[in-house]
Amino acid sequence: MVNDLFINIGSKIKQIRQGNNYTLTEIATKAGVSKGLISKIENGRAIPSLPVLFRIIKALTIDLSVFFEGISDFPSNGYIHRKASEYVPVEKEDSQGFSYFSIINESFDNISFQTSVLKLAPGAVREKVVTDGYTFLYVIDGYIDYLLDTDFIKLTTGDSLFFDGKIPHVPKNNNTQPATILIVYLLNT
């Protein structure tokens, strides 16, 4: 299975940080960045610049070569084929009823393209988040209310929504059935 470079970097930062019992605040302070940025990177909502990434790795007190072991980029054959059984569960912000599955995450020039499937349980709960880029979502099945800042947008099977991720946002499933959403993030690198 092809590794997804930026998701792997964020996940590895989180794994090392938690494995060493470092808090977000400790790593952010040592790296000279905000706690929110570390959280966004760990959750695949932001991509660090190279200097910031190196400062974070240094703050984690791990050797660069050890950090990058097992992390790879785009495949040499020029395409990615991913079976549904290969989707990788991704833990994001504290939430209940949000199940993210990473599909494909790649970078092209100055943009990172990240795709996920979100299975949203009835009554799922999470705080609003912001993302450094744009978000496109497509409701595969179900009904959701999407909160963009203070606006609720009702979406049903087949509906889509595209918005600036800097607008605080969260999907809500106020129905009795689960909903499934395809999410595409276009993040600036």
C-alpha atoms as a PDB file:
ATOM      1  CA  MET A   1       0.000   0.000   0.000  1.00  0.00           C
ATOM      2  CA  VAL A   2       1.270   3.463  -0.878  1.00  0.00           C
ATOM      3  CA  ASN A   3       1.964   5.741   2.093  1.00  0.00           C
ATOM      4  CA  ASP A   4       0.359   9.166   2.127  1.00  0.00           C
ATOM      5  CA  LEU A   5       3.224  11.540   2.788  1.00  0.00           C
ATOM      6  CA  PHE A   6       1.577  14.384   4.686  1.00  0.00           C
ATOM      7  CA  ILE A   7      -0.884  12.213   6.600  1.00  0.00           C
ATOM      8  CA  ASN A   8       2.051   9.990   7.593  1.00  0.00           C
ATOM      9  CA  ILE A   9       4.091  12.974   8.766  1.00  0.00           C
ATOM     10  CA  GLY A  10       1.225  14.295  10.909  1.00  0.00           C
ATOM     11  CA  SER A  11       0.451  10.849  12.283  1.00  0.00           C
ATOM     12  CA  LYS A  12       4.101  10.203  13.070  1.00  0.00           C
ATOM     13  CA  ILE A  13       4.408  13.511  14.937  1.00  0.00           C
ATOM     14  CA  LYS A  14       1.330  12.610  16.988  1.00  0.00           C
ATOM     15  CA  GLN A  15       2.524   9.039  17.629  1.00  0.00           C
ATOM     16  CA  ILE A  16       5.977  10.174  18.828  1.00  0.00           C
ATOM     17  CA  ARG A  17       4.539  13.030  20.885  1.00  0.00           C
ATOM     18  CA  GLN A  18       1.996  10.817  22.637  1.00  0.00           C
ATOM     19  CA  GLY A  19       4.478   7.939  22.990  1.00  0.00           C
ATOM     20  CA  ASN A  20       6.824  10.252  24.887  1.00  0.00           C
ATOM     21  CA  ASN A  21       3.947  11.795  26.879  1.00  0.00           C
ATOM     22  CA  TYR A  22       4.608  15.265  25.468  1.00  0.00           C
ATOM     23  CA  THR A  23       1.677  17.665  25.408  1.00  0.00           C
ATOM     24  CA  LEU A  24       0.782  19.766  22.383  1.00  0.00           C
ATOM     25  CA  THR A  25       1.811  22.827  24.388  1.00  0.00           C
ATOM     26  CA  GLU A  26       5.269  21.399  25.214  1.00  0.00           C
ATOM     27  CA  ILE A  27       6.068  20.615  21.573  1.00  0.00           C
ATOM     28  CA  ALA A  28       4.616  23.913  20.338  1.00  0.00           C
ATOM     29  CA  THR A  29       6.695  25.889  22.847  1.00  0.00           C
ATOM     30  CA  LYS A  30       9.920  24.010  22.001  1.00  0.00           C
ATOM     31  CA  ALA A  31       9.271  24.381  18.245  1.00  0.00           C
ATOM     32  CA  GLY A  32       8.266  28.055  18.495  1.00  0.00           C
ATOM     33  CA  VAL A  33       4.838  27.533  16.903  1.00  0.00           C
ATOM     34  CA  SER A  34       1.265  27.569  18.154  1.00  0.00           C
ATOM     35  CA  LYS A  35      -0.426  24.619  19.819  1.00  0.00           C
ATOM     36  CA  GLY A  36      -3.179  24.982  17.200  1.00  0.00           C
ATOM     37  CA  LEU A  37      -0.697  24.530  14.347  1.00  0.00           C
ATOM     38  CA  ILE A  38       0.680  21.325  15.884  1.00  0.00           C
ATOM     39  CA  SER A  39      -2.881  20.028  16.265  1.00  0.00           C
ATOM     40  CA  LYS A  40      -3.727  20.938  12.641  1.00  0.00           C
ATOM     41  CA  ILE A  41      -0.590  19.163  11.367  1.00  0.00           C
ATOM     42  CA  GLU A  42      -1.292  16.051  13.440  1.00  0.00           C
ATOM     43  CA  ASN A  43      -4.869  15.936  12.165  1.00  0.00           C
ATOM     44  CA  GLY A  44      -3.994  16.484   8.489  1.00  0.00           C
ATOM     45  CA  ARG A  45      -5.522  19.980   8.368  1.00  0.00           C
ATOM     46  CA  ALA A  46      -2.253  21.852   7.719  1.00  0.00           C
ATOM     47  CA  ILE A  47       1.109  21.099   6.145  1.00  0.00           C
ATOM     48  CA  PRO A  48       4.192  22.466   7.886  1.00  0.00           C
ATOM     49  CA  SER A  49       6.897  24.339   6.023  1.00  0.00           C
ATOM     50  CA  LEU A  50      10.234  22.543   6.008  1.00  0.00           C
ATOM     51  CA  PRO A  51      11.796  24.780   8.710  1.00  0.00           C
ATOM     52  CA  VAL A  52       8.739  24.306  10.954  1.00  0.00           C
ATOM     53  CA  LEU A  53       8.782  20.540  10.386  1.00  0.00           C
ATOM     54  CA  PHE A  54      12.467  20.377  11.365  1.00  0.00           C
ATOM     55  CA  ARG A  55      11.797  22.435  14.514  1.00  0.00           C
ATOM     56  CA  ILE A  56       8.940  20.083  15.460  1.00  0.00           C
ATOM     57  CA  ILE A  57      11.139  17.013  14.913  1.00  0.00           C
ATOM     58  CA  LYS A  58      13.858  18.614  17.047  1.00  0.00           C
ATOM     59  CA  ALA A  59      11.280  19.381  19.764  1.00  0.00           C
ATOM     60  CA  LEU A  60      10.277  15.698  19.707  1.00  0.00           C
ATOM     61  CA  THR A  61      13.959  14.870  20.440  1.00  0.00           C
ATOM     62  CA  ILE A  62      14.193  12.341  17.623  1.00  0.00           C
ATOM     63  CA  ASP A  63      16.826  12.007  14.907  1.00  0.00           C
ATOM     64  CA  LEU A  64      15.705  13.141  11.420  1.00  0.00           C
ATOM     65  CA  SER A  65      16.611   9.825   9.798  1.00  0.00           C
ATOM     66  CA  VAL A  66      14.584   7.905  12.396  1.00  0.00           C
ATOM     67  CA  PHE A  67      11.615  10.226  11.949  1.00  0.00           C
ATOM     68  CA  PHE A  68      11.486   9.723   8.169  1.00  0.00           C
ATOM     69  CA  GLU A  69      11.883   5.915   8.222  1.00  0.00           C
ATOM     70  CA  GLY A  70       8.951   4.345   6.385  1.00  0.00           C
ATOM     71  CA  ILE A  71       7.593   7.618   5.022  1.00  0.00           C
ATOM     72  CA  SER A  72       7.471   7.692   1.218  1.00  0.00           C
ATOM     73  CA  ASP A  73       6.099   9.866  -1.570  1.00  0.00           C
ATOM     74  CA  PHE A  74       4.252   9.306  -4.847  1.00  0.00           C
ATOM     75  CA  PRO A  75       4.759   5.860  -6.453  1.00  0.00           C
ATOM     76  CA  SER A  76       7.131   5.430  -9.379  1.00  0.00           C
ATOM     77  CA  ASN A  77       4.428   3.932 -11.644  1.00  0.00           C
ATOM     78  CA  GLY A  78       2.604   7.303 -11.747  1.00  0.00           C
ATOM     79  CA  TYR A  79      -0.776   6.238 -10.356  1.00  0.00           C
ATOM     80  CA  ILE A  80      -2.440   5.128  -7.158  1.00  0.00           C
ATOM     81  CA  HIS A  81      -5.095   2.442  -7.000  1.00  0.00           C
ATOM     82  CA  ARG A  82      -6.681   2.109  -3.591  1.00  0.00           C
ATOM     83  CA  LYS A  83      -9.200  -0.586  -2.662  1.00  0.00           C
ATOM     84  CA  ALA A  84     -11.833   0.282  -0.068  1.00  0.00           C
ATOM     85  CA  SER A  85     -10.322  -2.345   2.236  1.00  0.00           C
ATOM     86  CA  GLU A  86      -7.064  -0.337   2.195  1.00  0.00           C
ATOM     87  CA  TYR A  87      -8.571   2.929   3.457  1.00  0.00           C
ATOM     88  CA  VAL A  88      -6.708   3.920   6.594  1.00  0.00           C
ATOM     89  CA  PRO A  89      -8.661   4.974   9.695  1.00  0.00           C
ATOM     90  CA  VAL A  90      -7.480   8.427  10.760  1.00  0.00           C
ATOM     91  CA  GLU A  91      -7.948   9.853  14.226  1.00  0.00           C
ATOM     92  CA  LYS A  92      -8.653  13.558  14.094  1.00  0.00           C
ATOM     93  CA  GLU A  93      -9.802  16.043  16.744  1.00  0.00           C
ATOM     94  CA  ASP A  94     -11.621  14.880  19.848  1.00  0.00           C
ATOM     95  CA  SER A  95     -15.009  13.782  18.624  1.00  0.00           C
ATOM     96  CA  GLN A  96     -17.761  11.239  19.064  1.00  0.00           C
ATOM     97  CA  GLY A  97     -19.348   9.529  16.078  1.00  0.00           C
ATOM     98  CA  PHE A  98     -16.783  10.800  13.524  1.00  0.00           C
ATOM     99  CA  SER A  99     -14.973   7.979  11.675  1.00  0.00           C
ATOM    100  CA  TYR A 100     -12.471   9.247   9.092  1.00  0.00           C
ATOM    101  CA  PHE A 101     -10.825   6.960   6.533  1.00  0.00           C
ATOM    102  CA  SER A 102      -7.925   8.290   4.466  1.00  0.00           C
ATOM    103  CA  ILE A 103      -8.121   7.421   0.774  1.00  0.00           C
ATOM    104  CA  ILE A 104      -5.425   9.284  -1.183  1.00  0.00           C
ATOM    105  CA  ASN A 105      -3.215  12.169  -0.097  1.00  0.00           C
ATOM    106  CA  GLU A 106      -0.679  13.633  -2.492  1.00  0.00           C
ATOM    107  CA  SER A 107       1.078  16.903  -3.266  1.00  0.00           C
ATOM    108  CA  PHE A 108       1.361  18.591  -6.626  1.00  0.00           C
ATOM    109  CA  ASP A 109       3.384  21.788  -6.995  1.00  0.00           C
ATOM    110  CA  ASN A 110       2.111  24.104  -4.228  1.00  0.00           C
ATOM    111  CA  ILE A 111      -1.048  22.205  -3.326  1.00  0.00           C
ATOM    112  CA  SER A 112      -1.742  19.099  -1.281  1.00  0.00           C
ATOM    113  CA  PHE A 113      -4.720  16.987  -2.317  1.00  0.00           C
ATOM    114  CA  GLN A 114      -6.200  14.948   0.540  1.00  0.00           C
ATOM    115  CA  THR A 115      -9.260  12.719   0.300  1.00  0.00           C
ATOM    116  CA  SER A 116     -11.154  11.018   3.078  1.00  0.00           C
ATOM    117  CA  VAL A 117     -14.441   9.295   3.704  1.00  0.00           C
ATOM    118  CA  LEU A 118     -16.247  10.430   6.836  1.00  0.00           C
ATOM    119  CA  LYS A 119     -18.834   8.154   8.380  1.00  0.00           C
ATOM    120  CA  LEU A 120     -20.960  10.356  10.588  1.00  0.00           C
ATOM    121  CA  ALA A 121     -23.033   8.590  13.252  1.00  0.00           C
ATOM    122  CA  PRO A 122     -26.384  10.011  14.345  1.00  0.00           C
ATOM    123  CA  GLY A 123     -25.799  12.681  16.982  1.00  0.00           C
ATOM    124  CA  ALA A 124     -22.040  12.865  16.244  1.00  0.00           C
ATOM    125  CA  VAL A 125     -20.325  15.613  18.252  1.00  0.00           C
ATOM    126  CA  ARG A 126     -17.221  17.707  17.597  1.00  0.00           C
ATOM    127  CA  GLU A 127     -16.205  21.332  17.947  1.00  0.00           C
ATOM    128  CA  LYS A 128     -15.891  23.498  14.816  1.00  0.00           C
ATOM    129  CA  VAL A 129     -12.461  23.372  13.141  1.00  0.00           C
ATOM    130  CA  VAL A 130     -10.587  25.434  10.553  1.00  0.00           C
ATOM    131  CA  THR A 131      -8.380  24.136   7.748  1.00  0.00           C
ATOM    132  CA  ASP A 132      -5.575  25.894   5.857  1.00  0.00           C
ATOM    133  CA  GLY A 133      -7.037  25.537   2.375  1.00  0.00           C
ATOM    134  CA  TYR A 134     -10.311  24.658   0.673  1.00  0.00           C
ATOM    135  CA  THR A 135     -12.741  21.843   1.364  1.00  0.00           C
ATOM    136  CA  PHE A 136     -15.056  20.044  -1.045  1.00  0.00           C
ATOM    137  CA  LEU A 137     -17.531  17.519   0.261  1.00  0.00           C
ATOM    138  CA  TYR A 138     -20.026  15.221  -1.398  1.00  0.00           C
ATOM    139  CA  VAL A 139     -22.752  13.411   0.546  1.00  0.00           C
ATOM    140  CA  ILE A 140     -22.595   9.773  -0.538  1.00  0.00           C
ATOM    141  CA  ASP A 141     -25.614   8.836   1.547  1.00  0.00           C
ATOM    142  CA  GLY A 142     -27.671  10.275   4.365  1.00  0.00           C
ATOM    143  CA  TYR A 143     -28.659  13.718   5.520  1.00  0.00           C
ATOM    144  CA  ILE A 144     -26.466  16.253   7.304  1.00  0.00           C
ATOM    145  CA  ASP A 145     -26.572  19.829   8.490  1.00  0.00           C
ATOM    146  CA  TYR A 146     -23.267  21.539   7.770  1.00  0.00           C
ATOM    147  CA  LEU A 147     -22.427  24.447  10.053  1.00  0.00           C
ATOM    148  CA  LEU A 148     -20.253  27.092   8.340  1.00  0.00           C
ATOM    149  CA  ASP A 149     -19.557  29.747  10.976  1.00  0.00           C
ATOM    150  CA  THR A 150     -23.199  30.537  11.907  1.00  0.00           C
ATOM    151  CA  ASP A 151     -24.934  29.278   8.733  1.00  0.00           C
ATOM    152  CA  PHE A 152     -26.565  25.833   8.644  1.00  0.00           C
ATOM    153  CA  ILE A 153     -26.649  24.237   5.194  1.00  0.00           C
ATOM    154  CA  LYS A 154     -28.871  21.178   4.758  1.00  0.00           C
ATOM    155  CA  LEU A 155     -27.318  18.488   2.565  1.00  0.00           C
ATOM    156  CA  THR A 156     -28.722  15.180   1.376  1.00  0.00           C
ATOM    157  CA  THR A 157     -27.506  12.280  -0.757  1.00  0.00           C
ATOM    158  CA  GLY A 158     -25.831  13.629  -3.905  1.00  0.00           C
ATOM    159  CA  ASP A 159     -25.420  17.190  -2.622  1.00  0.00           C
ATOM    160  CA  SER A 160     -22.012  18.865  -2.507  1.00  0.00           C
ATOM    161  CA  LEU A 161     -20.428  21.855  -0.812  1.00  0.00           C
ATOM    162  CA  PHE A 162     -17.195  23.755  -1.513  1.00  0.00           C
ATOM    163  CA  PHE A 163     -15.852  26.343   0.945  1.00  0.00           C
ATOM    164  CA  ASP A 164     -12.806  28.129   2.333  1.00  0.00           C
ATOM    165  CA  GLY A 165     -11.575  25.950   5.203  1.00  0.00           C
ATOM    166  CA  LYS A 166     -10.684  29.038   7.226  1.00  0.00           C
ATOM    167  CA  ILE A 167     -14.401  29.398   7.967  1.00  0.00           C
ATOM    168  CA  PRO A 168     -15.048  27.522  11.246  1.00  0.00           C
ATOM    169  CA  HIS A 169     -17.027  24.424  10.284  1.00  0.00           C
ATOM    170  CA  VAL A 170     -18.498  21.129  11.455  1.00  0.00           C
ATOM    171  CA  PRO A 171     -20.980  18.614  10.039  1.00  0.00           C
ATOM    172  CA  LYS A 172     -23.948  17.611  12.199  1.00  0.00           C
ATOM    173  CA  ASN A 173     -26.020  14.472  11.816  1.00  0.00           C
ATOM    174  CA  ASN A 174     -29.335  15.223  13.525  1.00  0.00           C
ATOM    175  CA  ASN A 175     -31.007  12.178  11.964  1.00  0.00           C
ATOM    176  CA  THR A 176     -31.458   8.582  13.119  1.00  0.00           C
ATOM    177  CA  GLN A 177     -29.388   7.066  10.288  1.00  0.00           C
ATOM    178  CA  PRO A 178     -25.613   7.369   9.678  1.00  0.00           C
ATOM    179  CA  ALA A 179     -24.332   9.570   6.860  1.00  0.00           C
ATOM    180  CA  THR A 180     -21.306   9.022   4.612  1.00  0.00           C
ATOM    181  CA  ILE A 181     -19.396  11.962   3.154  1.00  0.00           C
ATOM    182  CA  LEU A 182     -16.511  12.142   0.668  1.00  0.00           C
ATOM    183  CA  ILE A 183     -14.195  14.996   1.685  1.00  0.00           C
ATOM    184  CA  VAL A 184     -11.486  16.533  -0.506  1.00  0.00           C
ATOM    185  CA  TYR A 185      -9.046  18.997   1.039  1.00  0.00           C
ATOM    186  CA  LEU A 186      -6.954  21.298  -1.149  1.00  0.00           C
ATOM    187  CA  LEU A 187      -4.237  22.587   1.174  1.00  0.00           C
ATOM    188  CA  ASN A 188      -1.516  25.108   0.417  1.00  0.00           C
ATOM    189  CA  THR A 189       1.978  23.668   0.844  1.00  0.00           C
END
